[in-house]
mmCIF file of all heavy atoms, coordinates in Angstrom:
data_MODEL
# 
_entry.id   MODEL 
# 
loop_
_atom_site.group_PDB 
_atom_site.id 
_atom_site.type_symbol 
_atom_site.label_atom_id 
_atom_site.label_alt_id 
_atom_site.label_comp_id 
_atom_site.label_asym_id 
_atom_site.label_entity_id 
_atom_site.label_seq_id 
_atom_site.pdbx_PDB_ins_code 
_atom_site.Cartn_x 
_atom_site.Cartn_y 
_atom_site.Cartn_z 
_atom_site.occupancy 
_atom_site.B_iso_or_equiv 
_atom_site.pdbx_formal_charge 
_atom_site.auth_seq_id 
_atom_site.auth_comp_id 
_atom_site.auth_asym_id 
_atom_site.auth_atom_id 
_atom_site.pdbx_PDB_model_num 
ATOM 1   N N   . GLU A 1 1  ? 89.044  89.168 119.270 1.00 0.00 ? 1  GLU A N   1 
ATOM 2   C CA  . GLU A 1 1  ? 88.273  87.951 119.096 1.00 0.00 ? 1  GLU A CA  1 
ATOM 3   C C   . GLU A 1 1  ? 88.895  86.801 119.852 1.00 0.00 ? 1  GLU A C   1 
ATOM 4   O O   . GLU A 1 1  ? 88.362  85.640 119.735 1.00 0.00 ? 1  GLU A O   1 
ATOM 5   C CB  . GLU A 1 1  ? 88.143  87.651 117.617 1.00 0.00 ? 1  GLU A CB  1 
ATOM 6   C CG  . GLU A 1 1  ? 87.317  88.663 116.895 1.00 0.00 ? 1  GLU A CG  1 
ATOM 7   C CD  . GLU A 1 1  ? 87.179  88.366 115.427 1.00 0.00 ? 1  GLU A CD  1 
ATOM 8   O OE1 . GLU A 1 1  ? 88.005  87.632 114.892 1.00 0.00 ? 1  GLU A OE1 1 
ATOM 9   O OE2 . GLU A 1 1  ? 86.231  88.928 114.810 1.00 0.00 ? 1  GLU A OE2 1 
ATOM 10  N N   . GLY A 1 2  ? 89.950  86.970 120.556 1.00 0.00 ? 2  GLY A N   1 
ATOM 11  C CA  . GLY A 1 2  ? 90.569  85.877 121.333 1.00 0.00 ? 2  GLY A CA  1 
ATOM 12  C C   . GLY A 1 2  ? 91.465  84.977 120.531 1.00 0.00 ? 2  GLY A C   1 
ATOM 13  O O   . GLY A 1 2  ? 91.832  83.916 121.028 1.00 0.00 ? 2  GLY A O   1 
ATOM 14  N N   . VAL A 1 3  ? 91.811  85.354 119.321 1.00 0.00 ? 3  VAL A N   1 
ATOM 15  C CA  . VAL A 1 3  ? 92.691  84.545 118.487 1.00 0.00 ? 3  VAL A CA  1 
ATOM 16  C C   . VAL A 1 3  ? 94.087  85.229 118.508 1.00 0.00 ? 3  VAL A C   1 
ATOM 17  O O   . VAL A 1 3  ? 94.190  86.413 118.284 1.00 0.00 ? 3  VAL A O   1 
ATOM 18  C CB  . VAL A 1 3  ? 92.256  84.435 117.046 1.00 0.00 ? 3  VAL A CB  1 
ATOM 19  C CG1 . VAL A 1 3  ? 93.165  83.579 116.204 1.00 0.00 ? 3  VAL A CG1 1 
ATOM 20  C CG2 . VAL A 1 3  ? 90.828  83.836 116.982 1.00 0.00 ? 3  VAL A CG2 1 
ATOM 21  N N   . ASP A 1 4  ? 95.134  84.420 118.786 1.00 0.00 ? 4  ASP A N   1 
ATOM 22  C CA  . ASP A 1 4  ? 96.471  84.971 118.941 1.00 0.00 ? 4  ASP A CA  1 
ATOM 23  C C   . ASP A 1 4  ? 97.142  85.056 117.553 1.00 0.00 ? 4  ASP A C   1 
ATOM 24  O O   . ASP A 1 4  ? 97.996  84.243 117.201 1.00 0.00 ? 4  ASP A O   1 
ATOM 25  C CB  . ASP A 1 4  ? 97.290  84.052 119.891 1.00 0.00 ? 4  ASP A CB  1 
ATOM 26  C CG  . ASP A 1 4  ? 98.697  84.621 120.175 1.00 0.00 ? 4  ASP A CG  1 
ATOM 27  O OD1 . ASP A 1 4  ? 98.888  85.763 119.829 1.00 0.00 ? 4  ASP A OD1 1 
ATOM 28  O OD2 . ASP A 1 4  ? 99.466  83.890 120.775 1.00 0.00 ? 4  ASP A OD2 1 
ATOM 29  N N   . TYR A 1 5  ? 96.763  86.074 116.812 1.00 0.00 ? 5  TYR A N   1 
ATOM 30  C CA  . TYR A 1 5  ? 97.334  86.272 115.462 1.00 0.00 ? 5  TYR A CA  1 
ATOM 31  C C   . TYR A 1 5  ? 98.854  86.656 115.586 1.00 0.00 ? 5  TYR A C   1 
ATOM 32  O O   . TYR A 1 5  ? 99.589  86.210 114.732 1.00 0.00 ? 5  TYR A O   1 
ATOM 33  C CB  . TYR A 1 5  ? 96.597  87.351 114.705 1.00 0.00 ? 5  TYR A CB  1 
ATOM 34  C CG  . TYR A 1 5  ? 95.168  86.984 114.439 1.00 0.00 ? 5  TYR A CG  1 
ATOM 35  C CD1 . TYR A 1 5  ? 94.131  87.697 115.069 1.00 0.00 ? 5  TYR A CD1 1 
ATOM 36  C CD2 . TYR A 1 5  ? 94.780  85.903 113.602 1.00 0.00 ? 5  TYR A CD2 1 
ATOM 37  C CE1 . TYR A 1 5  ? 92.791  87.399 114.828 1.00 0.00 ? 5  TYR A CE1 1 
ATOM 38  C CE2 . TYR A 1 5  ? 93.445  85.590 113.370 1.00 0.00 ? 5  TYR A CE2 1 
ATOM 39  C CZ  . TYR A 1 5  ? 92.501  86.312 114.034 1.00 0.00 ? 5  TYR A CZ  1 
ATOM 40  O OH  . TYR A 1 5  ? 91.172  85.968 113.803 1.00 0.00 ? 5  TYR A OH  1 
ATOM 41  N N   . ASN A 1 6  ? 99.171  87.395 116.646 1.00 0.00 ? 6  ASN A N   1 
ATOM 42  C CA  . ASN A 1 6  ? 100.604 87.741 116.796 1.00 0.00 ? 6  ASN A CA  1 
ATOM 43  C C   . ASN A 1 6  ? 101.399 86.500 117.055 1.00 0.00 ? 6  ASN A C   1 
ATOM 44  O O   . ASN A 1 6  ? 102.572 86.384 116.582 1.00 0.00 ? 6  ASN A O   1 
ATOM 45  C CB  . ASN A 1 6  ? 100.757 88.777 117.933 1.00 0.00 ? 6  ASN A CB  1 
ATOM 46  C CG  . ASN A 1 6  ? 100.257 90.152 117.580 1.00 0.00 ? 6  ASN A CG  1 
ATOM 47  O OD1 . ASN A 1 6  ? 100.261 90.506 116.406 1.00 0.00 ? 6  ASN A OD1 1 
ATOM 48  N ND2 . ASN A 1 6  ? 99.836  90.859 118.562 1.00 0.00 ? 6  ASN A ND2 1 
ATOM 49  N N   . GLY A 1 7  ? 100.874 85.578 117.846 1.00 0.00 ? 7  GLY A N   1 
ATOM 50  C CA  . GLY A 1 7  ? 101.590 84.355 118.132 1.00 0.00 ? 7  GLY A CA  1 
ATOM 51  C C   . GLY A 1 7  ? 101.763 83.493 116.840 1.00 0.00 ? 7  GLY A C   1 
ATOM 52  O O   . GLY A 1 7  ? 102.762 82.881 116.626 1.00 0.00 ? 7  GLY A O   1 
ATOM 53  N N   . MET A 1 8  ? 100.707 83.538 115.984 1.00 0.00 ? 8  MET A N   1 
ATOM 54  C CA  . MET A 1 8  ? 100.838 82.801 114.719 1.00 0.00 ? 8  MET A CA  1 
ATOM 55  C C   . MET A 1 8  ? 101.951 83.408 113.892 1.00 0.00 ? 8  MET A C   1 
ATOM 56  O O   . MET A 1 8  ? 102.706 82.642 113.207 1.00 0.00 ? 8  MET A O   1 
ATOM 57  C CB  . MET A 1 8  ? 99.486  82.828 114.058 1.00 0.00 ? 8  MET A CB  1 
ATOM 58  C CG  . MET A 1 8  ? 98.393  82.096 114.645 1.00 0.00 ? 8  MET A CG  1 
ATOM 59  S SD  . MET A 1 8  ? 96.875  82.238 113.654 1.00 0.00 ? 8  MET A SD  1 
ATOM 60  C CE  . MET A 1 8  ? 95.751  81.344 114.685 1.00 0.00 ? 8  MET A CE  1 
ATOM 61  N N   . MET A 1 9  ? 101.967 84.696 113.789 1.00 0.00 ? 9  MET A N   1 
ATOM 62  C CA  . MET A 1 9  ? 103.046 85.362 113.039 1.00 0.00 ? 9  MET A CA  1 
ATOM 63  C C   . MET A 1 9  ? 104.390 85.095 113.579 1.00 0.00 ? 9  MET A C   1 
ATOM 64  O O   . MET A 1 9  ? 105.330 84.819 112.820 1.00 0.00 ? 9  MET A O   1 
ATOM 65  C CB  . MET A 1 9  ? 102.738 86.859 112.935 1.00 0.00 ? 9  MET A CB  1 
ATOM 66  C CG  . MET A 1 9  ? 103.633 87.638 112.004 1.00 0.00 ? 9  MET A CG  1 
ATOM 67  S SD  . MET A 1 9  ? 103.424 87.115 110.261 1.00 0.00 ? 9  MET A SD  1 
ATOM 68  C CE  . MET A 1 9  ? 101.797 87.821 109.941 1.00 0.00 ? 9  MET A CE  1 
ATOM 69  N N   . LYS A 1 10 ? 104.518 85.120 114.921 1.00 0.00 ? 10 LYS A N   1 
ATOM 70  C CA  . LYS A 1 10 ? 105.796 84.872 115.539 1.00 0.00 ? 10 LYS A CA  1 
ATOM 71  C C   . LYS A 1 10 ? 106.274 83.474 115.213 1.00 0.00 ? 10 LYS A C   1 
ATOM 72  O O   . LYS A 1 10 ? 107.471 83.207 114.939 1.00 0.00 ? 10 LYS A O   1 
ATOM 73  C CB  . LYS A 1 10 ? 105.699 85.050 117.036 1.00 0.00 ? 10 LYS A CB  1 
ATOM 74  C CG  . LYS A 1 10 ? 107.001 84.810 117.758 1.00 0.00 ? 10 LYS A CG  1 
ATOM 75  C CD  . LYS A 1 10 ? 106.827 85.040 119.238 1.00 0.00 ? 10 LYS A CD  1 
ATOM 76  C CE  . LYS A 1 10 ? 108.112 84.791 119.971 1.00 0.00 ? 10 LYS A CE  1 
ATOM 77  N NZ  . LYS A 1 10 ? 108.024 85.003 121.473 1.00 0.00 ? 10 LYS A NZ  1 
ATOM 78  N N   . PHE A 1 11 ? 105.363 82.488 115.214 1.00 0.00 ? 11 PHE A N   1 
ATOM 79  C CA  . PHE A 1 11 ? 105.642 81.100 114.903 1.00 0.00 ? 11 PHE A CA  1 
ATOM 80  C C   . PHE A 1 11 ? 106.148 81.022 113.469 1.00 0.00 ? 11 PHE A C   1 
ATOM 81  O O   . PHE A 1 11 ? 107.104 80.291 113.146 1.00 0.00 ? 11 PHE A O   1 
ATOM 82  C CB  . PHE A 1 11 ? 104.478 80.211 115.102 1.00 0.00 ? 11 PHE A CB  1 
ATOM 83  C CG  . PHE A 1 11 ? 104.729 78.788 114.627 1.00 0.00 ? 11 PHE A CG  1 
ATOM 84  C CD1 . PHE A 1 11 ? 105.405 77.902 115.427 1.00 0.00 ? 11 PHE A CD1 1 
ATOM 85  C CD2 . PHE A 1 11 ? 104.258 78.379 113.389 1.00 0.00 ? 11 PHE A CD2 1 
ATOM 86  C CE1 . PHE A 1 11 ? 105.680 76.636 114.973 1.00 0.00 ? 11 PHE A CE1 1 
ATOM 87  C CE2 . PHE A 1 11 ? 104.504 77.069 112.950 1.00 0.00 ? 11 PHE A CE2 1 
ATOM 88  C CZ  . PHE A 1 11 ? 105.206 76.190 113.757 1.00 0.00 ? 11 PHE A CZ  1 
ATOM 89  N N   . ASN A 1 12 ? 105.548 81.736 112.561 1.00 0.00 ? 12 ASN A N   1 
ATOM 90  C CA  . ASN A 1 12 ? 105.984 81.727 111.163 1.00 0.00 ? 12 ASN A CA  1 
ATOM 91  C C   . ASN A 1 12 ? 107.399 82.204 111.007 1.00 0.00 ? 12 ASN A C   1 
ATOM 92  O O   . ASN A 1 12 ? 108.120 81.692 110.084 1.00 0.00 ? 12 ASN A O   1 
ATOM 93  C CB  . ASN A 1 12 ? 105.035 82.582 110.280 1.00 0.00 ? 12 ASN A CB  1 
ATOM 94  C CG  . ASN A 1 12 ? 103.660 81.988 110.086 1.00 0.00 ? 12 ASN A CG  1 
ATOM 95  O OD1 . ASN A 1 12 ? 103.577 80.752 110.106 1.00 0.00 ? 12 ASN A OD1 1 
ATOM 96  N ND2 . ASN A 1 12 ? 102.656 82.767 109.869 1.00 0.00 ? 12 ASN A ND2 1 
ATOM 97  N N   . PHE A 1 13 ? 107.834 83.074 111.878 1.00 0.00 ? 13 PHE A N   1 
ATOM 98  C CA  . PHE A 1 13 ? 109.219 83.604 111.789 1.00 0.00 ? 13 PHE A CA  1 
ATOM 99  C C   . PHE A 1 13 ? 110.181 82.661 112.398 1.00 0.00 ? 13 PHE A C   1 
ATOM 100 O O   . PHE A 1 13 ? 111.336 82.548 111.982 1.00 0.00 ? 13 PHE A O   1 
ATOM 101 C CB  . PHE A 1 13 ? 109.297 85.013 112.380 1.00 0.00 ? 13 PHE A CB  1 
ATOM 102 C CG  . PHE A 1 13 ? 108.879 86.086 111.546 1.00 0.00 ? 13 PHE A CG  1 
ATOM 103 C CD1 . PHE A 1 13 ? 107.707 86.771 111.767 1.00 0.00 ? 13 PHE A CD1 1 
ATOM 104 C CD2 . PHE A 1 13 ? 109.598 86.500 110.473 1.00 0.00 ? 13 PHE A CD2 1 
ATOM 105 C CE1 . PHE A 1 13 ? 107.291 87.805 110.980 1.00 0.00 ? 13 PHE A CE1 1 
ATOM 106 C CE2 . PHE A 1 13 ? 109.255 87.537 109.629 1.00 0.00 ? 13 PHE A CE2 1 
ATOM 107 C CZ  . PHE A 1 13 ? 108.097 88.228 109.913 1.00 0.00 ? 13 PHE A CZ  1 
ATOM 108 N N   . THR A 1 14 ? 109.755 81.918 113.500 1.00 0.00 ? 14 THR A N   1 
ATOM 109 C CA  . THR A 1 14 ? 110.719 81.155 114.291 1.00 0.00 ? 14 THR A CA  1 
ATOM 110 C C   . THR A 1 14 ? 110.733 79.664 113.910 1.00 0.00 ? 14 THR A C   1 
ATOM 111 O O   . THR A 1 14 ? 111.688 78.988 114.295 1.00 0.00 ? 14 THR A O   1 
ATOM 112 C CB  . THR A 1 14 ? 110.388 81.284 115.743 1.00 0.00 ? 14 THR A CB  1 
ATOM 113 O OG1 . THR A 1 14 ? 109.043 80.826 116.017 1.00 0.00 ? 14 THR A OG1 1 
ATOM 114 C CG2 . THR A 1 14 ? 110.534 82.720 116.298 1.00 0.00 ? 14 THR A CG2 1 
ATOM 115 N N   . ALA A 1 15 ? 109.754 79.231 113.194 1.00 0.00 ? 15 ALA A N   1 
ATOM 116 C CA  . ALA A 1 15 ? 109.698 77.754 112.807 1.00 0.00 ? 15 ALA A CA  1 
ATOM 117 C C   . ALA A 1 15 ? 109.626 77.563 111.351 1.00 0.00 ? 15 ALA A C   1 
ATOM 118 O O   . ALA A 1 15 ? 108.892 76.751 110.839 1.00 0.00 ? 15 ALA A O   1 
ATOM 119 C CB  . ALA A 1 15 ? 108.503 77.123 113.551 1.00 0.00 ? 15 ALA A CB  1 
ATOM 120 N N   . VAL A 1 16 ? 110.414 78.324 110.634 1.00 0.00 ? 16 VAL A N   1 
ATOM 121 C CA  . VAL A 1 16 ? 110.437 78.308 109.167 1.00 0.00 ? 16 VAL A CA  1 
ATOM 122 C C   . VAL A 1 16 ? 110.776 76.924 108.666 1.00 0.00 ? 16 VAL A C   1 
ATOM 123 O O   . VAL A 1 16 ? 110.127 76.388 107.719 1.00 0.00 ? 16 VAL A O   1 
ATOM 124 C CB  . VAL A 1 16 ? 111.428 79.309 108.597 1.00 0.00 ? 16 VAL A CB  1 
ATOM 125 C CG1 . VAL A 1 16 ? 111.540 79.184 107.064 1.00 0.00 ? 16 VAL A CG1 1 
ATOM 126 C CG2 . VAL A 1 16 ? 111.025 80.723 108.948 1.00 0.00 ? 16 VAL A CG2 1 
ATOM 127 N N   . ASP A 1 17 ? 111.746 76.199 109.315 1.00 0.00 ? 17 ASP A N   1 
ATOM 128 C CA  . ASP A 1 17 ? 112.105 74.900 108.832 1.00 0.00 ? 17 ASP A CA  1 
ATOM 129 C C   . ASP A 1 17 ? 111.037 73.822 109.005 1.00 0.00 ? 17 ASP A C   1 
ATOM 130 O O   . ASP A 1 17 ? 110.977 72.831 108.291 1.00 0.00 ? 17 ASP A O   1 
ATOM 131 C CB  . ASP A 1 17 ? 113.431 74.446 109.554 1.00 0.00 ? 17 ASP A CB  1 
ATOM 132 C CG  . ASP A 1 17 ? 114.623 75.302 109.152 1.00 0.00 ? 17 ASP A CG  1 
ATOM 133 O OD1 . ASP A 1 17 ? 114.589 75.952 108.038 1.00 0.00 ? 17 ASP A OD1 1 
ATOM 134 O OD2 . ASP A 1 17 ? 115.575 75.370 109.933 1.00 0.00 ? 17 ASP A OD2 1 
ATOM 135 N N   . ASP A 1 18 ? 110.183 74.022 110.004 1.00 0.00 ? 18 ASP A N   1 
ATOM 136 C CA  . ASP A 1 18 ? 109.167 73.083 110.359 1.00 0.00 ? 18 ASP A CA  1 
ATOM 137 C C   . ASP A 1 18 ? 107.845 73.318 109.651 1.00 0.00 ? 18 ASP A C   1 
ATOM 138 O O   . ASP A 1 18 ? 106.977 72.469 109.521 1.00 0.00 ? 18 ASP A O   1 
ATOM 139 C CB  . ASP A 1 18 ? 108.839 73.011 111.826 1.00 0.00 ? 18 ASP A CB  1 
ATOM 140 C CG  . ASP A 1 18 ? 110.083 72.571 112.655 1.00 0.00 ? 18 ASP A CG  1 
ATOM 141 O OD1 . ASP A 1 18 ? 110.795 71.711 112.137 1.00 0.00 ? 18 ASP A OD1 1 
ATOM 142 O OD2 . ASP A 1 18 ? 110.297 73.092 113.707 1.00 0.00 ? 18 ASP A OD2 1 
ATOM 143 N N   . SER A 1 19 ? 107.666 74.511 109.166 1.00 0.00 ? 19 SER A N   1 
ATOM 144 C CA  . SER A 1 19 ? 106.350 74.903 108.551 1.00 0.00 ? 19 SER A CA  1 
ATOM 145 C C   . SER A 1 19 ? 106.169 74.194 107.266 1.00 0.00 ? 19 SER A C   1 
ATOM 146 O O   . SER A 1 19 ? 107.069 74.111 106.421 1.00 0.00 ? 19 SER A O   1 
ATOM 147 C CB  . SER A 1 19 ? 106.297 76.400 108.300 1.00 0.00 ? 19 SER A CB  1 
ATOM 148 O OG  . SER A 1 19 ? 105.128 76.826 107.640 1.00 0.00 ? 19 SER A OG  1 
ATOM 149 N N   . PRO A 1 20 ? 104.926 73.697 107.008 1.00 0.00 ? 20 PRO A N   1 
ATOM 150 C CA  . PRO A 1 20 ? 104.638 72.992 105.729 1.00 0.00 ? 20 PRO A CA  1 
ATOM 151 C C   . PRO A 1 20 ? 104.475 73.983 104.595 1.00 0.00 ? 20 PRO A C   1 
ATOM 152 O O   . PRO A 1 20 ? 104.319 73.618 103.436 1.00 0.00 ? 20 PRO A O   1 
ATOM 153 C CB  . PRO A 1 20 ? 103.314 72.285 106.032 1.00 0.00 ? 20 PRO A CB  1 
ATOM 154 C CG  . PRO A 1 20 ? 102.699 73.037 107.096 1.00 0.00 ? 20 PRO A CG  1 
ATOM 155 C CD  . PRO A 1 20 ? 103.820 73.571 107.991 1.00 0.00 ? 20 PRO A CD  1 
ATOM 156 N N   . VAL A 1 21 ? 104.424 75.274 104.891 1.00 0.00 ? 21 VAL A N   1 
ATOM 157 C CA  . VAL A 1 21 ? 104.289 76.307 103.868 1.00 0.00 ? 21 VAL A CA  1 
ATOM 158 C C   . VAL A 1 21 ? 105.564 77.094 103.764 1.00 0.00 ? 21 VAL A C   1 
ATOM 159 O O   . VAL A 1 21 ? 106.131 77.590 104.766 1.00 0.00 ? 21 VAL A O   1 
ATOM 160 C CB  . VAL A 1 21 ? 103.120 77.284 104.200 1.00 0.00 ? 21 VAL A CB  1 
ATOM 161 C CG1 . VAL A 1 21 ? 103.018 78.359 103.117 1.00 0.00 ? 21 VAL A CG1 1 
ATOM 162 C CG2 . VAL A 1 21 ? 101.815 76.526 104.331 1.00 0.00 ? 21 VAL A CG2 1 
ATOM 163 N N   . ARG A 1 22 ? 106.130 77.182 102.561 1.00 0.00 ? 22 ARG A N   1 
ATOM 164 C CA  . ARG A 1 22 ? 107.374 77.960 102.363 1.00 0.00 ? 22 ARG A CA  1 
ATOM 165 C C   . ARG A 1 22 ? 107.119 79.450 102.438 1.00 0.00 ? 22 ARG A C   1 
ATOM 166 O O   . ARG A 1 22 ? 106.319 80.009 101.738 1.00 0.00 ? 22 ARG A O   1 
ATOM 167 C CB  . ARG A 1 22 ? 108.041 77.589 101.039 1.00 0.00 ? 22 ARG A CB  1 
ATOM 168 C CG  . ARG A 1 22 ? 109.345 78.337 100.784 1.00 0.00 ? 22 ARG A CG  1 
ATOM 169 C CD  . ARG A 1 22 ? 109.979 77.846 99.506  1.00 0.00 ? 22 ARG A CD  1 
ATOM 170 N NE  . ARG A 1 22 ? 111.172 78.592 99.194  1.00 0.00 ? 22 ARG A NE  1 
ATOM 171 C CZ  . ARG A 1 22 ? 111.183 79.704 98.414  1.00 0.00 ? 22 ARG A CZ  1 
ATOM 172 N NH1 . ARG A 1 22 ? 110.078 80.164 97.929  1.00 0.00 ? 22 ARG A NH1 1 
ATOM 173 N NH2 . ARG A 1 22 ? 112.337 80.332 98.186  1.00 0.00 ? 22 ARG A NH2 1 
ATOM 174 N N   . LEU A 1 23 ? 107.762 80.063 103.396 1.00 0.00 ? 23 LEU A N   1 
ATOM 175 C CA  . LEU A 1 23 ? 107.498 81.497 103.632 1.00 0.00 ? 23 LEU A CA  1 
ATOM 176 C C   . LEU A 1 23 ? 108.651 82.323 103.037 1.00 0.00 ? 23 LEU A C   1 
ATOM 177 O O   . LEU A 1 23 ? 109.819 81.933 103.099 1.00 0.00 ? 23 LEU A O   1 
ATOM 178 C CB  . LEU A 1 23 ? 107.416 81.797 105.146 1.00 0.00 ? 23 LEU A CB  1 
ATOM 179 C CG  . LEU A 1 23 ? 106.237 81.171 105.890 1.00 0.00 ? 23 LEU A CG  1 
ATOM 180 C CD1 . LEU A 1 23 ? 106.354 81.416 107.345 1.00 0.00 ? 23 LEU A CD1 1 
ATOM 181 C CD2 . LEU A 1 23 ? 104.942 81.743 105.321 1.00 0.00 ? 23 LEU A CD2 1 
ATOM 182 N N   . THR A 1 24 ? 108.269 83.446 102.409 1.00 0.00 ? 24 THR A N   1 
ATOM 183 C CA  . THR A 1 24 ? 109.265 84.342 101.829 1.00 0.00 ? 24 THR A CA  1 
ATOM 184 C C   . THR A 1 24 ? 108.896 85.769 102.299 1.00 0.00 ? 24 THR A C   1 
ATOM 185 O O   . THR A 1 24 ? 107.811 85.999 102.907 1.00 0.00 ? 24 THR A O   1 
ATOM 186 C CB  . THR A 1 24 ? 109.189 84.311 100.295 1.00 0.00 ? 24 THR A CB  1 
ATOM 187 O OG1 . THR A 1 24 ? 107.832 84.749 99.879  1.00 0.00 ? 24 THR A OG1 1 
ATOM 188 C CG2 . THR A 1 24 ? 109.429 82.930 99.760  1.00 0.00 ? 24 THR A CG2 1 
ATOM 189 N N   . ASN A 1 25 ? 109.819 86.670 102.099 1.00 0.00 ? 25 ASN A N   1 
ATOM 190 C CA  . ASN A 1 25 ? 109.525 88.082 102.503 1.00 0.00 ? 25 ASN A CA  1 
ATOM 191 C C   . ASN A 1 25 ? 108.285 88.614 101.819 1.00 0.00 ? 25 ASN A C   1 
ATOM 192 O O   . ASN A 1 25 ? 107.497 89.304 102.416 1.00 0.00 ? 25 ASN A O   1 
ATOM 193 C CB  . ASN A 1 25 ? 110.770 88.933 102.156 1.00 0.00 ? 25 ASN A CB  1 
ATOM 194 C CG  . ASN A 1 25 ? 111.913 88.722 103.057 1.00 0.00 ? 25 ASN A CG  1 
ATOM 195 O OD1 . ASN A 1 25 ? 111.764 88.145 104.153 1.00 0.00 ? 25 ASN A OD1 1 
ATOM 196 N ND2 . ASN A 1 25 ? 113.099 89.068 102.574 1.00 0.00 ? 25 ASN A ND2 1 
ATOM 197 N N   . SER A 1 26 ? 108.122 88.312 100.561 1.00 0.00 ? 26 SER A N   1 
ATOM 198 C CA  . SER A 1 26 ? 106.944 88.801 99.846  1.00 0.00 ? 26 SER A CA  1 
ATOM 199 C C   . SER A 1 26 ? 105.659 88.219 100.343 1.00 0.00 ? 26 SER A C   1 
ATOM 200 O O   . SER A 1 26 ? 104.651 88.894 100.426 1.00 0.00 ? 26 SER A O   1 
ATOM 201 C CB  . SER A 1 26 ? 107.114 88.581 98.332  1.00 0.00 ? 26 SER A CB  1 
ATOM 202 O OG  . SER A 1 26 ? 107.264 87.170 98.076  1.00 0.00 ? 26 SER A OG  1 
ATOM 203 N N   . ARG A 1 27 ? 105.717 86.918 100.698 1.00 0.00 ? 27 ARG A N   1 
ATOM 204 C CA  . ARG A 1 27 ? 104.522 86.278 101.244 1.00 0.00 ? 27 ARG A CA  1 
ATOM 205 C C   . ARG A 1 27 ? 104.137 86.865 102.568 1.00 0.00 ? 27 ARG A C   1 
ATOM 206 O O   . ARG A 1 27 ? 102.929 87.050 102.887 1.00 0.00 ? 27 ARG A O   1 
ATOM 207 C CB  . ARG A 1 27 ? 104.707 84.778 101.331 1.00 0.00 ? 27 ARG A CB  1 
ATOM 208 C CG  . ARG A 1 27 ? 104.676 84.085 99.970  1.00 0.00 ? 27 ARG A CG  1 
ATOM 209 C CD  . ARG A 1 27 ? 104.768 82.570 100.097 1.00 0.00 ? 27 ARG A CD  1 
ATOM 210 N NE  . ARG A 1 27 ? 104.660 81.953 98.765  1.00 0.00 ? 27 ARG A NE  1 
ATOM 211 C CZ  . ARG A 1 27 ? 104.735 80.646 98.606  1.00 0.00 ? 27 ARG A CZ  1 
ATOM 212 N NH1 . ARG A 1 27 ? 104.892 79.798 99.628  1.00 0.00 ? 27 ARG A NH1 1 
ATOM 213 N NH2 . ARG A 1 27 ? 104.575 80.101 97.396  1.00 0.00 ? 27 ARG A NH2 1 
# 
């Protein structure tokens, strides 16, 4: 569909400190 979901996931891993959502392994 032309949406970079992999890029979004990569950002979640690399920008944890900047993300407004606290990410955990379970999430």
